[in-house]
Amino acid sequence: MRLSLMPRKSIFFAKFSEHASNSLKAARALDGLLRDFTDVERQVRDIRALEHDGDELTHEIIENLNAAFVTPLDREDILGLASRLDDVVDLAHDAAELVLLYDLREVRPQAVRQVEILVSAADGIVEMMNGLERFQGLEPHWIKLHTLEKEGDQAFRDAVGELFASEMDPAEIIKWKDLYELLESAIDRCEDVANIVETIAIKHA
């Protein structure tokens, strides 16, 4: 029996697709939470489980990477994708935990708008990861993600501006600004995924 120096090429790409799907699930679950602050502990627990799944996927990718003498992508790109995909889920989880920790009781449309953008970005990542192995048709996806990141920046500025203009309670300002910042960071991590894929596409052109 011949010993393979490289795991089947599809292993890494399959794990990236799983990771992207998990990120989308987390974004959608966070969207559900922010639209309906009921049974918050259960909703946060569900997102916490997705965060755990993301950690497991990252661990599996690293295990496969450590076992491979040759890899289909540069090692730093594999690690970068695994890390950034995990960050998206981590930040969605952090935002959910913050809702629970701060005992937020209302739905602010600015936060809902940010999560809508996050869901769109996570959906774009799923489409991009599904096409990564072929190195084809990737450009429209990373362009979409760059556009969404810009929308996310504007949504964050609008949210913070509205918060300071309308909220008089300093504690509420702190709570919501913290949440807005986490959501902005999650959208940024989606663009980081796009940047890594763009670099990979250039290397393999």
N, C-alpha and C. Protein backbone atom coordinates (compact mmCIF):
# COMPACT_ATOMS: atom_id res chain seq x y z
N MET A 1 0.85 -1.20 0.00
CA MET A 1 0.00 0.00 0.00
C MET A 1 0.88 1.24 0.00
N ARG A 2 0.63 2.14 -0.93
CA ARG A 2 1.43 3.37 -1.03
C ARG A 2 0.96 4.37 0.02
N LEU A 3 1.91 5.03 0.62
CA LEU A 3 1.62 6.04 1.62
C LEU A 3 1.47 7.39 0.93
N SER A 4 0.35 8.04 1.12
CA SER A 4 0.11 9.34 0.49
C SER A 4 0.77 10.44 1.31
N LEU A 5 1.48 11.30 0.63
CA LEU A 5 2.11 12.43 1.32
C LEU A 5 1.13 13.56 1.56
N MET A 6 0.00 13.53 0.89
CA MET A 6 -0.97 14.61 1.03
C MET A 6 -2.37 14.02 1.19
N PRO A 7 -3.12 14.49 2.18
CA PRO A 7 -4.49 14.01 2.29
C PRO A 7 -5.26 14.37 1.03
N ARG A 8 -6.34 13.66 0.80
CA ARG A 8 -7.15 13.99 -0.36
C ARG A 8 -7.42 15.49 -0.38
N LYS A 9 -7.22 16.06 -1.55
CA LYS A 9 -7.32 17.51 -1.70
C LYS A 9 -8.64 18.05 -1.16
N SER A 10 -9.68 17.25 -1.30
CA SER A 10 -11.00 17.74 -0.94
C SER A 10 -11.19 17.90 0.57
N ILE A 11 -10.33 17.29 1.38
CA ILE A 11 -10.51 17.35 2.83
C ILE A 11 -10.51 18.79 3.32
N PHE A 12 -9.51 19.55 2.93
CA PHE A 12 -9.43 20.94 3.38
C PHE A 12 -10.60 21.76 2.86
N PHE A 13 -10.91 21.60 1.60
CA PHE A 13 -11.99 22.39 1.00
C PHE A 13 -13.34 22.01 1.59
N ALA A 14 -13.52 20.73 1.89
CA ALA A 14 -14.77 20.29 2.52
C ALA A 14 -14.91 20.90 3.91
N LYS A 15 -13.81 20.95 4.64
CA LYS A 15 -13.85 21.54 5.99
C LYS A 15 -14.09 23.05 5.92
N PHE A 16 -13.51 23.70 4.92
CA PHE A 16 -13.78 25.14 4.76
C PHE A 16 -15.27 25.38 4.48
N SER A 17 -15.85 24.52 3.65
CA SER A 17 -17.28 24.67 3.34
C SER A 17 -18.13 24.42 4.59
N GLU A 18 -17.75 23.43 5.38
CA GLU A 18 -18.47 23.17 6.64
C GLU A 18 -18.36 24.37 7.58
N HIS A 19 -17.15 24.92 7.66
CA HIS A 19 -16.91 26.07 8.52
C HIS A 19 -17.75 27.26 8.07
N ALA A 20 -17.80 27.49 6.77
CA ALA A 20 -18.59 28.60 6.24
C ALA A 20 -20.07 28.40 6.54
N SER A 21 -20.57 27.17 6.36
CA SER A 21 -21.97 26.88 6.66
C SER A 21 -22.27 27.10 8.14
N ASN A 22 -21.32 26.75 8.99
CA ASN A 22 -21.50 26.96 10.42
C ASN A 22 -21.54 28.45 10.76
N SER A 23 -20.72 29.23 10.05
CA SER A 23 -20.73 30.68 10.25
C SER A 23 -22.08 31.27 9.86
N LEU A 24 -22.63 30.78 8.75
CA LEU A 24 -23.93 31.26 8.31
C LEU A 24 -25.03 30.88 9.31
N LYS A 25 -24.96 29.67 9.84
CA LYS A 25 -25.93 29.26 10.87
C LYS A 25 -25.85 30.19 12.08
N ALA A 26 -24.63 30.52 12.50
CA ALA A 26 -24.45 31.39 13.66
C ALA A 26 -25.00 32.79 13.38
N ALA A 27 -24.73 33.30 12.18
CA ALA A 27 -25.23 34.63 11.82
C ALA A 27 -26.75 34.65 11.79
N ARG A 28 -27.35 33.62 11.23
CA ARG A 28 -28.82 33.54 11.18
C ARG A 28 -29.41 33.39 12.57
N ALA A 29 -28.75 32.63 13.43
CA ALA A 29 -29.24 32.46 14.81
C ALA A 29 -29.15 33.78 15.57
N LEU A 30 -28.08 34.53 15.34
CA LEU A 30 -27.94 35.84 15.97
C LEU A 30 -29.01 36.79 15.46
N ASP A 31 -29.31 36.71 14.18
CA ASP A 31 -30.37 37.52 13.59
C ASP A 31 -31.71 37.23 14.28
N GLY A 32 -31.97 35.95 14.49
CA GLY A 32 -33.20 35.58 15.18
C GLY A 32 -33.24 36.11 16.60
N LEU A 33 -32.11 36.09 17.27
CA LEU A 33 -32.05 36.58 18.65
C LEU A 33 -32.32 38.08 18.71
N LEU A 34 -31.69 38.83 17.83
CA LEU A 34 -31.83 40.29 17.89
C LEU A 34 -33.20 40.77 17.42
N ARG A 35 -33.90 39.94 16.69
CA ARG A 35 -35.25 40.32 16.27
C ARG A 35 -36.29 39.95 17.32
N ASP A 36 -35.91 39.12 18.27
CA ASP A 36 -36.89 38.63 19.24
C ASP A 36 -36.18 38.27 20.54
N PHE A 37 -36.17 39.21 21.48
CA PHE A 37 -35.51 38.98 22.77
C PHE A 37 -36.41 38.13 23.68
N THR A 38 -36.78 36.95 23.23
CA THR A 38 -37.52 36.02 24.07
C THR A 38 -36.74 34.71 24.15
N ASP A 39 -36.85 34.06 25.30
CA ASP A 39 -36.12 32.81 25.52
C ASP A 39 -34.64 33.01 25.17
N VAL A 40 -34.09 34.10 25.67
CA VAL A 40 -32.73 34.51 25.30
C VAL A 40 -31.71 33.45 25.68
N GLU A 41 -31.83 32.87 26.86
CA GLU A 41 -30.85 31.89 27.31
C GLU A 41 -30.78 30.70 26.35
N ARG A 42 -31.93 30.24 25.88
CA ARG A 42 -31.93 29.12 24.93
C ARG A 42 -31.28 29.51 23.62
N GLN A 43 -31.63 30.69 23.12
CA GLN A 43 -31.05 31.15 21.85
C GLN A 43 -29.53 31.32 21.97
N VAL A 44 -29.08 31.87 23.07
CA VAL A 44 -27.64 32.02 23.28
C VAL A 44 -26.98 30.66 23.40
N ARG A 45 -27.64 29.73 24.05
CA ARG A 45 -27.09 28.38 24.18
C ARG A 45 -26.93 27.72 22.82
N ASP A 46 -27.89 27.94 21.93
CA ASP A 46 -27.80 27.39 20.57
C ASP A 46 -26.60 27.97 19.82
N ILE A 47 -26.38 29.26 19.97
CA ILE A 47 -25.25 29.90 19.31
C ILE A 47 -23.93 29.44 19.92
N ARG A 48 -23.96 29.22 21.23
CA ARG A 48 -22.76 28.70 21.91
C ARG A 48 -22.38 27.33 21.35
N ALA A 49 -23.37 26.52 21.05
CA ALA A 49 -23.10 25.20 20.47
C ALA A 49 -22.46 25.33 19.09
N LEU A 50 -22.92 26.31 18.30
CA LEU A 50 -22.32 26.55 16.98
C LEU A 50 -20.89 27.03 17.12
N GLU A 51 -20.62 27.83 18.13
CA GLU A 51 -19.25 28.29 18.39
C GLU A 51 -18.35 27.10 18.71
N HIS A 52 -18.87 26.16 19.48
CA HIS A 52 -18.12 24.94 19.79
C HIS A 52 -17.86 24.14 18.52
N ASP A 53 -18.86 24.04 17.66
CA ASP A 53 -18.68 23.34 16.38
C ASP A 53 -17.58 24.00 15.55
N GLY A 54 -17.54 25.33 15.57
CA GLY A 54 -16.50 26.04 14.84
C GLY A 54 -15.12 25.73 15.37
N ASP A 55 -14.99 25.66 16.68
CA ASP A 55 -13.70 25.30 17.29
C ASP A 55 -13.27 23.91 16.85
N GLU A 56 -14.23 22.98 16.82
CA GLU A 56 -13.92 21.62 16.41
C GLU A 56 -13.44 21.57 14.96
N LEU A 57 -14.11 22.33 14.09
CA LEU A 57 -13.71 22.35 12.68
C LEU A 57 -12.32 22.94 12.51
N THR A 58 -12.03 23.99 13.25
CA THR A 58 -10.69 24.57 13.20
C THR A 58 -9.65 23.55 13.65
N HIS A 59 -9.96 22.84 14.72
CA HIS A 59 -9.04 21.81 15.22
C HIS A 59 -8.82 20.72 14.18
N GLU A 60 -9.87 20.30 13.49
CA GLU A 60 -9.75 19.26 12.48
C GLU A 60 -8.90 19.74 11.31
N ILE A 61 -9.07 21.00 10.91
CA ILE A 61 -8.26 21.54 9.82
C ILE A 61 -6.79 21.55 10.21
N ILE A 62 -6.50 21.98 11.43
CA ILE A 62 -5.11 22.03 11.89
C ILE A 62 -4.52 20.63 11.99
N GLU A 63 -5.33 19.68 12.45
CA GLU A 63 -4.85 18.29 12.52
C GLU A 63 -4.49 17.78 11.13
N ASN A 64 -5.35 18.02 10.15
CA ASN A 64 -5.06 17.60 8.77
C ASN A 64 -3.85 18.31 8.23
N LEU A 65 -3.70 19.58 8.58
CA LEU A 65 -2.55 20.34 8.11
C LEU A 65 -1.26 19.78 8.69
N ASN A 66 -1.28 19.45 9.96
CA ASN A 66 -0.08 18.92 10.61
C ASN A 66 0.29 17.54 10.09
N ALA A 67 -0.71 16.79 9.59
CA ALA A 67 -0.46 15.45 9.09
C ALA A 67 -0.01 15.43 7.63
N ALA A 68 -0.10 16.57 6.95
CA ALA A 68 0.19 16.61 5.51
C ALA A 68 1.61 17.12 5.25
N PHE A 69 2.34 16.40 4.40
CA PHE A 69 3.65 16.87 3.97
C PHE A 69 3.51 17.91 2.87
N VAL A 70 2.50 17.72 2.05
CA VAL A 70 2.22 18.64 0.95
C VAL A 70 0.76 19.05 1.07
N THR A 71 0.47 20.32 0.81
CA THR A 71 -0.90 20.82 0.96
C THR A 71 -1.36 21.49 -0.34
N PRO A 72 -2.67 21.50 -0.60
CA PRO A 72 -3.17 22.09 -1.84
C PRO A 72 -3.10 23.61 -1.86
N LEU A 73 -3.00 24.20 -0.68
CA LEU A 73 -2.83 25.65 -0.54
C LEU A 73 -1.64 25.90 0.38
N ASP A 74 -1.09 27.10 0.32
CA ASP A 74 -0.02 27.44 1.26
C ASP A 74 -0.52 27.29 2.69
N ARG A 75 0.35 26.84 3.56
CA ARG A 75 -0.04 26.56 4.94
C ARG A 75 -0.59 27.81 5.63
N GLU A 76 0.02 28.95 5.37
CA GLU A 76 -0.46 30.17 6.02
C GLU A 76 -1.86 30.55 5.55
N ASP A 77 -2.18 30.21 4.30
CA ASP A 77 -3.52 30.49 3.79
C ASP A 77 -4.55 29.55 4.41
N ILE A 78 -4.19 28.29 4.58
CA ILE A 78 -5.09 27.34 5.23
C ILE A 78 -5.37 27.77 6.67
N LEU A 79 -4.30 28.12 7.39
CA LEU A 79 -4.47 28.58 8.77
C LEU A 79 -5.26 29.88 8.82
N GLY A 80 -4.98 30.78 7.88
CA GLY A 80 -5.68 32.06 7.85
C GLY A 80 -7.17 31.88 7.62
N LEU A 81 -7.54 31.03 6.66
CA LEU A 81 -8.96 30.79 6.40
C LEU A 81 -9.65 30.15 7.60
N ALA A 82 -9.00 29.14 8.18
CA ALA A 82 -9.59 28.48 9.34
C ALA A 82 -9.80 29.47 10.48
N SER A 83 -8.81 30.31 10.71
CA SER A 83 -8.88 31.27 11.81
C SER A 83 -9.95 32.32 11.59
N ARG A 84 -10.00 32.89 10.39
CA ARG A 84 -10.97 33.95 10.12
C ARG A 84 -12.39 33.40 10.10
N LEU A 85 -12.59 32.20 9.56
CA LEU A 85 -13.91 31.59 9.59
C LEU A 85 -14.35 31.34 11.02
N ASP A 86 -13.43 30.91 11.84
CA ASP A 86 -13.73 30.69 13.25
C ASP A 86 -14.06 32.00 13.95
N ASP A 87 -13.35 33.06 13.57
CA ASP A 87 -13.60 34.38 14.18
C ASP A 87 -15.03 34.85 13.95
N VAL A 88 -15.56 34.59 12.75
CA VAL A 88 -16.92 35.02 12.45
C VAL A 88 -17.90 34.40 13.45
N VAL A 89 -17.75 33.10 13.69
CA VAL A 89 -18.63 32.42 14.64
C VAL A 89 -18.36 32.91 16.06
N ASP A 90 -17.09 33.07 16.40
CA ASP A 90 -16.73 33.54 17.75
C ASP A 90 -17.37 34.90 18.04
N LEU A 91 -17.32 35.80 17.08
CA LEU A 91 -17.86 37.14 17.30
C LEU A 91 -19.38 37.13 17.36
N ALA A 92 -20.01 36.28 16.55
CA ALA A 92 -21.46 36.13 16.65
C ALA A 92 -21.84 35.60 18.03
N HIS A 93 -21.05 34.66 18.51
CA HIS A 93 -21.28 34.12 19.86
C HIS A 93 -21.04 35.18 20.92
N ASP A 94 -19.97 35.96 20.78
CA ASP A 94 -19.69 37.03 21.74
C ASP A 94 -20.84 38.04 21.80
N ALA A 95 -21.38 38.36 20.63
CA ALA A 95 -22.50 39.30 20.59
C ALA A 95 -23.72 38.72 21.30
N ALA A 96 -23.98 37.45 21.08
CA ALA A 96 -25.11 36.80 21.74
C ALA A 96 -24.92 36.77 23.25
N GLU A 97 -23.71 36.43 23.68
CA GLU A 97 -23.43 36.40 25.12
C GLU A 97 -23.57 37.79 25.73
N LEU A 98 -23.22 38.82 24.97
CA LEU A 98 -23.34 40.18 25.47
C LEU A 98 -24.81 40.56 25.67
N VAL A 99 -25.66 40.12 24.76
CA VAL A 99 -27.10 40.37 24.92
C VAL A 99 -27.57 39.79 26.25
N LEU A 100 -27.10 38.59 26.56
CA LEU A 100 -27.47 37.94 27.82
C LEU A 100 -26.84 38.65 29.02
N LEU A 101 -25.55 38.94 28.91
CA LEU A 101 -24.82 39.57 30.02
C LEU A 101 -25.38 40.94 30.36
N TYR A 102 -25.67 41.74 29.34
CA TYR A 102 -26.17 43.10 29.56
C TYR A 102 -27.69 43.15 29.77
N ASP A 103 -28.33 41.99 29.64
CA ASP A 103 -29.77 41.91 29.85
C ASP A 103 -30.51 42.94 28.99
N LEU A 104 -30.15 42.96 27.71
CA LEU A 104 -30.79 43.89 26.80
C LEU A 104 -32.25 43.51 26.61
N ARG A 105 -33.12 44.50 26.59
CA ARG A 105 -34.56 44.23 26.62
C ARG A 105 -35.30 44.74 25.39
N GLU A 106 -34.61 45.45 24.50
CA GLU A 106 -35.30 46.02 23.35
C GLU A 106 -34.57 45.64 22.07
N VAL A 107 -35.25 45.78 20.97
CA VAL A 107 -34.66 45.51 19.67
C VAL A 107 -34.38 46.84 18.99
N ARG A 108 -33.13 47.12 18.73
CA ARG A 108 -32.77 48.36 18.03
C ARG A 108 -32.58 48.05 16.55
N PRO A 109 -33.27 48.77 15.69
CA PRO A 109 -33.19 48.46 14.25
C PRO A 109 -31.78 48.58 13.69
N GLN A 110 -30.94 49.40 14.30
CA GLN A 110 -29.58 49.56 13.80
C GLN A 110 -28.79 48.25 13.95
N ALA A 111 -29.00 47.57 15.08
CA ALA A 111 -28.33 46.28 15.28
C ALA A 111 -28.86 45.24 14.32
N VAL A 112 -30.17 45.26 14.11
CA VAL A 112 -30.79 44.32 13.17
C VAL A 112 -30.19 44.52 11.77
N ARG A 113 -30.01 45.78 11.39
CA ARG A 113 -29.42 46.06 10.08
C ARG A 113 -28.00 45.51 9.98
N GLN A 114 -27.22 45.68 11.03
CA GLN A 114 -25.86 45.14 11.01
C GLN A 114 -25.88 43.62 10.84
N VAL A 115 -26.78 42.96 11.54
CA VAL A 115 -26.82 41.50 11.45
C VAL A 115 -27.34 41.06 10.08
N GLU A 116 -28.22 41.83 9.49
CA GLU A 116 -28.65 41.52 8.12
C GLU A 116 -27.44 41.51 7.18
N ILE A 117 -26.57 42.48 7.34
CA ILE A 117 -25.36 42.55 6.51
C ILE A 117 -24.46 41.36 6.82
N LEU A 118 -24.34 41.02 8.11
CA LEU A 118 -23.52 39.86 8.50
C LEU A 118 -24.05 38.58 7.87
N VAL A 119 -25.36 38.40 7.88
CA VAL A 119 -25.95 37.20 7.27
C VAL A 119 -25.65 37.16 5.77
N SER A 120 -25.78 38.29 5.10
CA SER A 120 -25.46 38.35 3.67
C SER A 120 -23.99 38.02 3.41
N ALA A 121 -23.11 38.55 4.28
CA ALA A 121 -21.68 38.28 4.13
C ALA A 121 -21.37 36.81 4.38
N ALA A 122 -21.98 36.23 5.40
CA ALA A 122 -21.76 34.81 5.69
C ALA A 122 -22.27 33.94 4.55
N ASP A 123 -23.39 34.34 3.95
CA ASP A 123 -23.92 33.62 2.79
C ASP A 123 -22.94 33.71 1.62
N GLY A 124 -22.34 34.89 1.44
CA GLY A 124 -21.33 35.05 0.39
C GLY A 124 -20.11 34.17 0.62
N ILE A 125 -19.74 34.00 1.89
CA ILE A 125 -18.60 33.13 2.21
C ILE A 125 -18.92 31.69 1.85
N VAL A 126 -20.14 31.25 2.14
CA VAL A 126 -20.54 29.89 1.78
C VAL A 126 -20.39 29.67 0.28
N GLU A 127 -20.89 30.61 -0.51
CA GLU A 127 -20.78 30.48 -1.97
C GLU A 127 -19.32 30.47 -2.41
N MET A 128 -18.50 31.30 -1.78
CA MET A 128 -17.10 31.38 -2.15
C MET A 128 -16.35 30.10 -1.79
N MET A 129 -16.60 29.55 -0.60
CA MET A 129 -15.93 28.32 -0.19
C MET A 129 -16.34 27.14 -1.07
N ASN A 130 -17.58 27.15 -1.52
CA ASN A 130 -18.03 26.06 -2.40
C ASN A 130 -17.32 26.06 -3.75
N GLY A 131 -16.80 27.22 -4.16
CA GLY A 131 -16.09 27.31 -5.43
C GLY A 131 -14.58 27.36 -5.30
N LEU A 132 -14.08 27.30 -4.07
CA LEU A 132 -12.65 27.52 -3.86
C LEU A 132 -11.79 26.42 -4.48
N GLU A 133 -12.21 25.18 -4.38
CA GLU A 133 -11.38 24.08 -4.86
C GLU A 133 -11.10 24.19 -6.36
N ARG A 134 -12.04 24.74 -7.11
CA ARG A 134 -11.86 24.87 -8.57
C ARG A 134 -11.09 26.14 -8.95
N PHE A 135 -10.95 27.07 -7.98
CA PHE A 135 -10.28 28.35 -8.24
C PHE A 135 -10.94 29.11 -9.39
N GLN A 136 -12.24 28.95 -9.51
CA GLN A 136 -12.97 29.61 -10.59
C GLN A 136 -14.20 30.31 -10.04
N GLY A 137 -14.55 31.44 -10.67
CA GLY A 137 -15.77 32.14 -10.31
C GLY A 137 -15.73 32.78 -8.93
N LEU A 138 -14.55 33.03 -8.41
CA LEU A 138 -14.41 33.55 -7.06
C LEU A 138 -14.53 35.07 -6.98
N GLU A 139 -14.12 35.75 -8.04
CA GLU A 139 -14.05 37.21 -7.98
C GLU A 139 -15.39 37.88 -7.63
N PRO A 140 -16.51 37.47 -8.22
CA PRO A 140 -17.77 38.12 -7.84
C PRO A 140 -18.08 38.00 -6.34
N HIS A 141 -17.63 36.91 -5.74
CA HIS A 141 -17.91 36.71 -4.32
C HIS A 141 -17.08 37.65 -3.45
N TRP A 142 -15.79 37.79 -3.78
CA TRP A 142 -15.00 38.68 -2.94
C TRP A 142 -15.37 40.15 -3.19
N ILE A 143 -15.79 40.47 -4.40
CA ILE A 143 -16.29 41.83 -4.65
C ILE A 143 -17.54 42.09 -3.81
N LYS A 144 -18.44 41.11 -3.77
CA LYS A 144 -19.65 41.23 -2.95
C LYS A 144 -19.30 41.45 -1.48
N LEU A 145 -18.32 40.72 -0.99
CA LEU A 145 -17.94 40.83 0.41
C LEU A 145 -17.28 42.17 0.72
N HIS A 146 -16.49 42.69 -0.22
CA HIS A 146 -15.92 44.03 -0.03
C HIS A 146 -17.04 45.07 0.04
N THR A 147 -18.02 44.93 -0.83
CA THR A 147 -19.16 45.86 -0.83
C THR A 147 -19.93 45.79 0.48
N LEU A 148 -20.16 44.57 0.96
CA LEU A 148 -20.89 44.40 2.21
C LEU A 148 -20.11 44.97 3.39
N GLU A 149 -18.80 44.85 3.35
CA GLU A 149 -18.00 45.43 4.44
C GLU A 149 -18.16 46.93 4.48
N LYS A 150 -18.20 47.57 3.31
CA LYS A 150 -18.42 49.02 3.26
C LYS A 150 -19.81 49.37 3.79
N GLU A 151 -20.80 48.56 3.42
CA GLU A 151 -22.14 48.76 3.97
C GLU A 151 -22.13 48.60 5.49
N GLY A 152 -21.35 47.63 5.96
CA GLY A 152 -21.23 47.42 7.39
C GLY A 152 -20.62 48.60 8.10
N ASP A 153 -19.60 49.20 7.49
CA ASP A 153 -18.97 50.40 8.06
C ASP A 153 -19.99 51.53 8.20
N GLN A 154 -20.78 51.71 7.14
CA GLN A 154 -21.78 52.78 7.18
C GLN A 154 -22.87 52.48 8.21
N ALA A 155 -23.28 51.23 8.28
CA ALA A 155 -24.30 50.85 9.26
C ALA A 155 -23.79 51.08 10.69
N PHE A 156 -22.52 50.79 10.92
CA PHE A 156 -21.93 51.02 12.24
C PHE A 156 -21.90 52.50 12.58
N ARG A 157 -21.48 53.32 11.61
CA ARG A 157 -21.44 54.76 11.86
C ARG A 157 -22.84 55.30 12.13
N ASP A 158 -23.80 54.85 11.35
CA ASP A 158 -25.19 55.29 11.55
C ASP A 158 -25.70 54.86 12.93
N ALA A 159 -25.37 53.64 13.31
CA ALA A 159 -25.85 53.12 14.59
C ALA A 159 -25.28 53.91 15.76
N VAL A 160 -23.98 54.16 15.72
CA VAL A 160 -23.35 54.90 16.81
C VAL A 160 -23.85 56.35 16.83
N GLY A 161 -23.99 56.96 15.67
CA GLY A 161 -24.49 58.32 15.60
C GLY A 161 -25.89 58.44 16.19
N GLU A 162 -26.76 57.51 15.82
CA GLU A 162 -28.12 57.52 16.34
C GLU A 162 -28.13 57.27 17.84
N LEU A 163 -27.25 56.40 18.31
CA LEU A 163 -27.19 56.07 19.73
C LEU A 163 -26.86 57.30 20.57
N PHE A 164 -25.83 58.02 20.17
CA PHE A 164 -25.41 59.19 20.93
C PHE A 164 -26.41 60.35 20.79
N ALA A 165 -27.13 60.36 19.68
CA ALA A 165 -28.09 61.44 19.48
C ALA A 165 -29.39 61.22 20.26
N SER A 166 -29.75 59.96 20.52
CA SER A 166 -31.07 59.69 21.08
C SER A 166 -31.06 59.11 22.48
N GLU A 167 -29.95 58.50 22.89
CA GLU A 167 -29.93 57.82 24.19
C GLU A 167 -29.29 58.71 25.25
N MET A 168 -29.97 58.85 26.38
CA MET A 168 -29.47 59.70 27.46
C MET A 168 -28.82 58.90 28.58
N ASP A 169 -29.10 57.61 28.65
CA ASP A 169 -28.56 56.78 29.73
C ASP A 169 -27.15 56.30 29.36
N PRO A 170 -26.12 56.72 30.11
CA PRO A 170 -24.74 56.32 29.78
C PRO A 170 -24.55 54.80 29.76
N ALA A 171 -25.23 54.09 30.65
CA ALA A 171 -25.10 52.63 30.69
C ALA A 171 -25.62 52.00 29.40
N GLU A 172 -26.75 52.50 28.91
CA GLU A 172 -27.30 51.97 27.67
C GLU A 172 -26.40 52.29 26.48
N ILE A 173 -25.79 53.46 26.50
CA ILE A 173 -24.85 53.82 25.43
C ILE A 173 -23.69 52.83 25.39
N ILE A 174 -23.14 52.53 26.56
CA ILE A 174 -22.02 51.60 26.63
C ILE A 174 -22.43 50.22 26.13
N LYS A 175 -23.58 49.74 26.59
CA LYS A 175 -24.05 48.41 26.20
C LYS A 175 -24.21 48.28 24.69
N TRP A 176 -24.93 49.23 24.11
CA TRP A 176 -25.22 49.12 22.69
C TRP A 176 -24.00 49.40 21.82
N LYS A 177 -23.15 50.31 22.26
CA LYS A 177 -21.93 50.56 21.49
C LYS A 177 -21.05 49.31 21.47
N ASP A 178 -20.96 48.61 22.61
CA ASP A 178 -20.21 47.36 22.66
C ASP A 178 -20.77 46.35 21.66
N LEU A 179 -22.09 46.24 21.62
CA LEU A 179 -22.72 45.29 20.70
C LEU A 179 -22.46 45.70 19.25
N TYR A 180 -22.64 46.98 18.93
CA TYR A 180 -22.40 47.45 17.57
C TYR A 180 -20.96 47.14 17.13
N GLU A 181 -20.02 47.31 18.04
CA GLU A 181 -18.61 47.07 17.71
C GLU A 181 -18.35 45.59 17.42
N LEU A 182 -18.97 44.70 18.19
CA LEU A 182 -18.81 43.27 17.93
C LEU A 182 -19.39 42.89 16.57
N LEU A 183 -20.54 43.43 16.24
CA LEU A 183 -21.16 43.13 14.95
C LEU A 183 -20.31 43.67 13.80
N GLU A 184 -19.76 44.85 13.98
CA GLU A 184 -18.87 45.42 12.96
C GLU A 184 -17.65 44.54 12.77
N SER A 185 -17.09 44.04 13.86
CA SER A 185 -15.91 43.18 13.77
C SER A 185 -16.23 41.88 13.05
N ALA A 186 -17.42 41.33 13.30
CA ALA A 186 -17.81 40.09 12.62
C ALA A 186 -17.88 40.29 11.11
N ILE A 187 -18.44 41.42 10.69
CA ILE A 187 -18.50 41.73 9.25
C ILE A 187 -17.09 41.91 8.69
N ASP A 188 -16.22 42.55 9.45
CA ASP A 188 -14.83 42.73 9.01
C ASP A 188 -14.13 41.39 8.80
N ARG A 189 -14.39 40.42 9.70
CA ARG A 189 -13.75 39.11 9.55
C ARG A 189 -14.22 38.42 8.27
N CYS A 190 -15.45 38.67 7.87
CA CYS A 190 -15.93 38.12 6.59
C CYS A 190 -15.11 38.68 5.43
N GLU A 191 -14.82 39.97 5.49
CA GLU A 191 -13.99 40.55 4.43
C GLU A 191 -12.57 39.99 4.49
N ASP A 192 -12.09 39.69 5.68
CA ASP A 192 -10.76 39.07 5.80
C ASP A 192 -10.73 37.74 5.05
N VAL A 193 -11.80 36.97 5.15
CA VAL A 193 -11.89 35.71 4.40
C VAL A 193 -11.78 36.00 2.90
N ALA A 194 -12.50 37.03 2.45
CA ALA A 194 -12.44 37.40 1.03
C ALA A 194 -11.03 37.80 0.61
N ASN A 195 -10.33 38.53 1.47
CA ASN A 195 -8.97 38.94 1.15
C ASN A 195 -8.03 37.75 1.00
N ILE A 196 -8.19 36.76 1.88
CA ILE A 196 -7.35 35.57 1.79
C ILE A 196 -7.65 34.80 0.51
N VAL A 197 -8.92 34.66 0.18
CA VAL A 197 -9.30 33.95 -1.05
C VAL A 197 -8.78 34.69 -2.27
N GLU A 198 -8.83 36.00 -2.25
CA GLU A 198 -8.30 36.77 -3.37
C GLU A 198 -6.80 36.52 -3.54
N THR A 199 -6.09 36.46 -2.43
CA THR A 199 -4.64 36.15 -2.48
C THR A 199 -4.40 34.76 -3.02
N ILE A 200 -5.20 33.79 -2.58
CA ILE A 200 -5.07 32.41 -3.06
C ILE A 200 -5.31 32.36 -4.57
N ALA A 201 -6.35 33.07 -5.04
CA ALA A 201 -6.67 33.06 -6.47
C ALA A 201 -5.51 33.61 -7.30
N ILE A 202 -4.87 34.66 -6.79
CA ILE A 202 -3.73 35.24 -7.51
C ILE A 202 -2.58 34.24 -7.58
N LYS A 203 -2.33 33.53 -6.48
CA LYS A 203 -1.24 32.54 -6.45
C LYS A 203 -1.48 31.41 -7.44
N HIS A 204 -2.75 31.06 -7.63
CA HIS A 204 -3.09 29.91 -8.47
C HIS A 204 -3.57 30.31 -9.87
N ALA A 205 -3.42 31.57 -10.21
CA ALA A 205 -3.85 32.03 -11.52
C ALA A 205 -2.99 31.43 -12.63
